[in-house]
Structure formats: C-alpha cells, structure tokens
Amino acid sequence: MSTIPLTVVGAKALRNELQEMKSVHRPAVIAAIAEARSHGDLSENAEYDAAKEKQGFIEGRIADLESKLSNAQIINPALINADGACVFGATIDLEELEGGDIVTYQIVGDDEANIKEGKISISSPIARALIGKMEGDVAEVHAPGGIHEYEILGVRYI
C-alpha cells in the first residue's frame, strides 16, 4: 500500500477517532451483544443481529483507521518551504475570474477533506489544477460543472 498524505491536524483527528472507536464504541457493542444473548434464542433475535452488524462495522472502521495511520506520511504545513508554490498542506486564496468570488482552500488528504471548512482533497480537480502554481498564476479547473478559472491571490503554509 502506498503512503497516505495527512496534515498534522488530520492525523490527530484520525487518532482521536480510533481511540474513541476502541474505548467507547467497541465496549458498547460488546455489551449490546451480551444483552441480546441473554434474551435467549439467537436465530430470531433482531437485537443480536443488529448488534453483530454494528460490531462488524466498528471492527472494519478500526482496521481501516489503523491501516491509514500506519501508512500515513504526516506533513506539517508550517514547516514547508516551497517558495510560494501550491503544494500539499498549503492554504491558498483564490479569486474566481468569472464571478469574482474569493475563496480560501487548504489542500489536505482525502480523509481530511471538508469543503465547509475550506479543506479540499489533494485528489480533487481543483487541487490537481493548483499543485505547482504560484501566486499570480491562473489555474484552469476542469470540473464536472465545466471549466473554471481561478487566479491565485496568495499561498500560505500555516
């Protein structure tokens, strides 16, 4: 498996989720299975089936998180010296040329992406168009809704 890029904040969030899964959700589902077993016949016990299904989901998520964290390449954007280029972890101020809207995005890993927080995935069309560009450049983004052009107003590493 290849390395998975994560920011320091993203890695911390995955570690916190893993800890919660192991210390809160796993014991809760084990208790639910024990409770459902105490009701007798398991062949017609919907509570038992639901608890076993939930246990499968939790164990799968734990394995997924452990795998991602073990293969993570953790990058601290504050330590990047990319001479003003758009790179993973950079926070970029953009102006859409057509509408004049100004937006700010940080390029992060797939698991960290959240457009409402201004975090876009490294594999998104806009991030792919921005990588390697400098302040003042125009990035042409080929998105499902058509082609959009953005001028890069600033690049920060925070």
C-alpha atoms as a PDB file:
ATOM      1  CA  MET A   1       0.000   0.000   0.000  1.00  0.00           C
ATOM      2  CA  SER A   2       1.302   3.467  -0.833  1.00  0.00           C
ATOM      3  CA  THR A   3       1.698   6.250   1.693  1.00  0.00           C
ATOM      4  CA  ILE A   4      -1.301   8.382   2.566  1.00  0.00           C
ATOM      5  CA  PRO A   5      -0.577  12.104   2.936  1.00  0.00           C
ATOM      6  CA  LEU A   6      -2.077  13.686   6.059  1.00  0.00           C
ATOM      7  CA  THR A   7      -1.607  17.012   7.747  1.00  0.00           C
ATOM      8  CA  VAL A   8      -0.713  17.029  11.443  1.00  0.00           C
ATOM      9  CA  VAL A   9      -4.301  18.070  12.259  1.00  0.00           C
ATOM     10  CA  GLY A  10      -5.766  15.305  10.078  1.00  0.00           C
ATOM     11  CA  ALA A  11      -3.563  12.634  11.656  1.00  0.00           C
ATOM     12  CA  LYS A  12      -4.611  13.801  15.117  1.00  0.00           C
ATOM     13  CA  ALA A  13      -8.300  13.608  14.134  1.00  0.00           C
ATOM     14  CA  LEU A  14      -7.858  10.029  12.857  1.00  0.00           C
ATOM     15  CA  ARG A  15      -6.023   9.037  16.055  1.00  0.00           C
ATOM     16  CA  ASN A  16      -8.836  10.539  18.147  1.00  0.00           C
ATOM     17  CA  GLU A  17     -11.473   8.666  16.125  1.00  0.00           C
ATOM     18  CA  LEU A  18      -9.516   5.411  16.510  1.00  0.00           C
ATOM     19  CA  GLN A  19      -9.244   5.928  20.260  1.00  0.00           C
ATOM     20  CA  GLU A  20     -12.990   6.604  20.516  1.00  0.00           C
ATOM     21  CA  MET A  21     -13.822   3.515  18.454  1.00  0.00           C
ATOM     22  CA  LYS A  22     -11.663   1.324  20.670  1.00  0.00           C
ATOM     23  CA  SER A  23     -12.567   2.796  24.053  1.00  0.00           C
ATOM     24  CA  VAL A  24     -16.237   3.766  23.599  1.00  0.00           C
ATOM     25  CA  HIS A  25     -17.915   2.101  20.625  1.00  0.00           C
ATOM     26  CA  ARG A  26     -16.289  -1.341  20.824  1.00  0.00           C
ATOM     27  CA  PRO A  27     -17.160  -1.905  24.534  1.00  0.00           C
ATOM     28  CA  ALA A  28     -20.691  -0.587  23.944  1.00  0.00           C
ATOM     29  CA  VAL A  29     -21.371  -3.046  21.116  1.00  0.00           C
ATOM     30  CA  ILE A  30     -19.905  -5.924  23.142  1.00  0.00           C
ATOM     31  CA  ALA A  31     -22.309  -5.050  25.954  1.00  0.00           C
ATOM     32  CA  ALA A  32     -25.213  -4.876  23.461  1.00  0.00           C
ATOM     33  CA  ILE A  33     -24.331  -8.347  22.117  1.00  0.00           C
ATOM     34  CA  ALA A  34     -24.184  -9.754  25.655  1.00  0.00           C
ATOM     35  CA  GLU A  35     -27.572  -8.182  26.454  1.00  0.00           C
ATOM     36  CA  ALA A  36     -29.130  -9.593  23.271  1.00  0.00           C
ATOM     37  CA  ARG A  37     -27.706 -13.061  24.033  1.00  0.00           C
ATOM     38  CA  SER A  38     -29.348 -13.016  27.438  1.00  0.00           C
ATOM     39  CA  HIS A  39     -32.765 -12.888  25.727  1.00  0.00           C
ATOM     40  CA  GLY A  40     -32.438 -16.475  24.546  1.00  0.00           C
ATOM     41  CA  ASP A  41     -32.909 -17.877  21.025  1.00  0.00           C
ATOM     42  CA  LEU A  42     -30.411 -16.140  18.734  1.00  0.00           C
ATOM     43  CA  SER A  43     -31.967 -17.379  15.488  1.00  0.00           C
ATOM     44  CA  GLU A  44     -34.895 -14.955  15.752  1.00  0.00           C
ATOM     45  CA  ASN A  45     -33.237 -12.214  17.776  1.00  0.00           C
ATOM     46  CA  ALA A  46     -33.200  -8.941  15.805  1.00  0.00           C
ATOM     47  CA  GLU A  47     -31.289  -7.109  18.563  1.00  0.00           C
ATOM     48  CA  TYR A  48     -28.487  -9.669  18.359  1.00  0.00           C
ATOM     49  CA  ASP A  49     -28.331  -9.432  14.563  1.00  0.00           C
ATOM     50  CA  ALA A  50     -28.228  -5.617  14.690  1.00  0.00           C
ATOM     51  CA  ALA A  51     -25.520  -5.619  17.370  1.00  0.00           C
ATOM     52  CA  LYS A  52     -23.393  -8.119  15.392  1.00  0.00           C
ATOM     53  CA  GLU A  53     -23.778  -5.975  12.254  1.00  0.00           C
ATOM     54  CA  LYS A  54     -22.736  -2.867  14.181  1.00  0.00           C
ATOM     55  CA  GLN A  55     -19.774  -4.780  15.613  1.00  0.00           C
ATOM     56  CA  GLY A  56     -18.679  -5.672  12.087  1.00  0.00           C
ATOM     57  CA  PHE A  57     -18.846  -2.016  11.064  1.00  0.00           C
ATOM     58  CA  ILE A  58     -16.847  -0.880  14.119  1.00  0.00           C
ATOM     59  CA  GLU A  59     -14.158  -3.531  13.680  1.00  0.00           C
ATOM     60  CA  GLY A  60     -13.889  -2.647   9.974  1.00  0.00           C
ATOM     61  CA  ARG A  61     -13.513   1.050  10.757  1.00  0.00           C
ATOM     62  CA  ILE A  62     -10.862   0.315  13.396  1.00  0.00           C
ATOM     63  CA  ALA A  63      -8.887  -1.759  10.886  1.00  0.00           C
ATOM     64  CA  ASP A  64      -9.261   0.992   8.261  1.00  0.00           C
ATOM     65  CA  LEU A  65      -8.051   3.714  10.650  1.00  0.00           C
ATOM     66  CA  GLU A  66      -5.104   1.611  11.855  1.00  0.00           C
ATOM     67  CA  SER A  67      -4.101   0.916   8.245  1.00  0.00           C
ATOM     68  CA  LYS A  68      -4.309   4.586   7.242  1.00  0.00           C
ATOM     69  CA  LEU A  69      -2.310   5.728  10.253  1.00  0.00           C
ATOM     70  CA  SER A  70       0.378   3.090   9.749  1.00  0.00           C
ATOM     71  CA  ASN A  71       0.784   4.158   6.101  1.00  0.00           C
ATOM     72  CA  ALA A  72       0.472   7.897   6.767  1.00  0.00           C
ATOM     73  CA  GLN A  73       3.024  10.428   5.655  1.00  0.00           C
ATOM     74  CA  ILE A  74       2.366  13.234   8.132  1.00  0.00           C
ATOM     75  CA  ILE A  75       3.176  16.668   6.759  1.00  0.00           C
ATOM     76  CA  ASN A  76       3.320  19.835   8.840  1.00  0.00           C
ATOM     77  CA  PRO A  77       2.380  22.738   6.519  1.00  0.00           C
ATOM     78  CA  ALA A  78       4.150  25.236   8.806  1.00  0.00           C
ATOM     79  CA  LEU A  79       7.493  23.524   8.090  1.00  0.00           C
ATOM     80  CA  ILE A  80       7.108  23.542   4.301  1.00  0.00           C
ATOM     81  CA  ASN A  81       9.475  25.736   2.306  1.00  0.00           C
ATOM     82  CA  ALA A  82       8.009  25.606  -1.211  1.00  0.00           C
ATOM     83  CA  ASP A  83       8.924  29.175  -2.233  1.00  0.00           C
ATOM     84  CA  GLY A  84       5.300  30.211  -2.744  1.00  0.00           C
ATOM     85  CA  ALA A  85       4.202  27.186  -4.777  1.00  0.00           C
ATOM     86  CA  CYS A  86       0.886  25.446  -4.208  1.00  0.00           C
ATOM     87  CA  VAL A  87       1.723  22.134  -2.519  1.00  0.00           C
ATOM     88  CA  PHE A  88       0.074  19.667  -0.161  1.00  0.00           C
ATOM     89  CA  GLY A  89      -0.858  21.437   3.083  1.00  0.00           C
ATOM     90  CA  ALA A  90      -0.758  24.948   1.601  1.00  0.00           C
ATOM     91  CA  THR A  91      -3.601  27.378   2.251  1.00  0.00           C
ATOM     92  CA  ILE A  92      -4.463  29.186  -0.956  1.00  0.00           C
ATOM     93  CA  ASP A  93      -6.510  32.336  -1.552  1.00  0.00           C
ATOM     94  CA  LEU A  94      -8.262  32.262  -4.928  1.00  0.00           C
ATOM     95  CA  GLU A  95     -10.417  34.585  -6.986  1.00  0.00           C
ATOM     96  CA  GLU A  96     -12.803  33.026  -9.463  1.00  0.00           C
ATOM     97  CA  LEU A  97     -12.287  35.032 -12.648  1.00  0.00           C
ATOM     98  CA  GLU A  98     -15.843  34.676 -13.935  1.00  0.00           C
ATOM     99  CA  GLY A  99     -17.776  35.667 -10.805  1.00  0.00           C
ATOM    100  CA  GLY A 100     -15.141  37.473  -8.778  1.00  0.00           C
ATOM    101  CA  ASP A 101     -15.791  35.289  -5.715  1.00  0.00           C
ATOM    102  CA  ILE A 102     -12.826  34.990  -3.372  1.00  0.00           C
ATOM    103  CA  VAL A 103     -12.339  31.671  -1.595  1.00  0.00           C
ATOM    104  CA  THR A 104      -9.662  30.134   0.610  1.00  0.00           C
ATOM    105  CA  TYR A 105      -8.807  26.437   0.498  1.00  0.00           C
ATOM    106  CA  GLN A 106      -6.256  24.232   2.192  1.00  0.00           C
ATOM    107  CA  ILE A 107      -5.058  21.195   0.232  1.00  0.00           C
ATOM    108  CA  VAL A 108      -5.317  18.152   2.520  1.00  0.00           C
ATOM    109  CA  GLY A 109      -5.573  14.366   2.379  1.00  0.00           C
ATOM    110  CA  ASP A 110      -8.688  12.546   1.213  1.00  0.00           C
ATOM    111  CA  ASP A 111      -9.775  11.704   4.782  1.00  0.00           C
ATOM    112  CA  GLU A 112      -9.474  15.307   5.952  1.00  0.00           C
ATOM    113  CA  ALA A 113     -11.341  16.994   3.110  1.00  0.00           C
ATOM    114  CA  ASN A 114     -14.352  19.065   4.147  1.00  0.00           C
ATOM    115  CA  ILE A 115     -15.444  21.804   1.774  1.00  0.00           C
ATOM    116  CA  LYS A 116     -17.444  23.556   4.522  1.00  0.00           C
ATOM    117  CA  GLU A 117     -14.184  24.010   6.434  1.00  0.00           C
ATOM    118  CA  GLY A 118     -12.312  25.095   3.291  1.00  0.00           C
ATOM    119  CA  LYS A 119     -10.313  21.854   3.088  1.00  0.00           C
ATOM    120  CA  ILE A 120     -10.078  20.237  -0.341  1.00  0.00           C
ATOM    121  CA  SER A 121      -8.725  16.808  -1.151  1.00  0.00           C
ATOM    122  CA  ILE A 122      -5.356  16.505  -2.881  1.00  0.00           C
ATOM    123  CA  SER A 123      -7.130  14.312  -5.453  1.00  0.00           C
ATOM    124  CA  SER A 124      -9.894  16.850  -6.242  1.00  0.00           C
ATOM    125  CA  PRO A 125      -9.910  18.580  -9.652  1.00  0.00           C
ATOM    126  CA  ILE A 126      -9.228  21.998  -8.129  1.00  0.00           C
ATOM    127  CA  ALA A 127      -6.273  20.785  -6.043  1.00  0.00           C
ATOM    128  CA  ARG A 128      -4.779  18.964  -9.028  1.00  0.00           C
ATOM    129  CA  ALA A 129      -5.053  22.173 -11.063  1.00  0.00           C
ATOM    130  CA  LEU A 130      -3.407  24.238  -8.300  1.00  0.00           C
ATOM    131  CA  ILE A 131      -0.420  21.995  -7.484  1.00  0.00           C
ATOM    132  CA  GLY A 132       2.806  23.621  -8.645  1.00  0.00           C
ATOM    133  CA  LYS A 133       1.246  27.007  -9.452  1.00  0.00           C
ATOM    134  CA  MET A 134       2.489  30.231  -7.854  1.00  0.00           C
ATOM    135  CA  GLU A 135       0.873  33.435  -6.623  1.00  0.00           C
ATOM    136  CA  GLY A 136      -0.407  35.422  -9.615  1.00  0.00           C
ATOM    137  CA  ASP A 137      -0.861  32.329 -11.812  1.00  0.00           C
ATOM    138  CA  VAL A 138      -4.231  31.353 -13.234  1.00  0.00           C
ATOM    139  CA  ALA A 139      -5.389  27.781 -12.650  1.00  0.00           C
ATOM    140  CA  GLU A 140      -7.835  26.218 -15.089  1.00  0.00           C
ATOM    141  CA  VAL A 141     -10.022  23.701 -13.273  1.00  0.00           C
ATOM    142  CA  HIS A 142     -11.793  21.019 -15.281  1.00  0.00           C
ATOM    143  CA  ALA A 143     -14.728  20.203 -13.007  1.00  0.00           C
ATOM    144  CA  PRO A 144     -17.908  18.213 -13.685  1.00  0.00           C
ATOM    145  CA  GLY A 145     -19.777  21.530 -13.991  1.00  0.00           C
ATOM    146  CA  GLY A 146     -17.423  22.843 -16.655  1.00  0.00           C
ATOM    147  CA  ILE A 147     -14.158  24.751 -16.782  1.00  0.00           C
ATOM    148  CA  HIS A 148     -13.497  27.365 -14.092  1.00  0.00           C
ATOM    149  CA  GLU A 149     -10.543  29.715 -13.913  1.00  0.00           C
ATOM    150  CA  TYR A 150      -9.050  30.916 -10.626  1.00  0.00           C
ATOM    151  CA  GLU A 151      -6.323  33.468 -10.039  1.00  0.00           C
ATOM    152  CA  ILE A 152      -4.051  32.590  -7.127  1.00  0.00           C
ATOM    153  CA  LEU A 153      -4.009  35.616  -4.818  1.00  0.00           C
ATOM    154  CA  GLY A 154      -1.835  34.148  -2.075  1.00  0.00           C
ATOM    155  CA  VAL A 155      -0.195  30.954  -0.840  1.00  0.00           C
ATOM    156  CA  ARG A 156       0.440  30.383   2.860  1.00  0.00           C
ATOM    157  CA  TYR A 157       1.910  27.494   4.828  1.00  0.00           C
ATOM    158  CA  ILE A 158       0.141  27.502   8.194  1.00  0.00           C
END
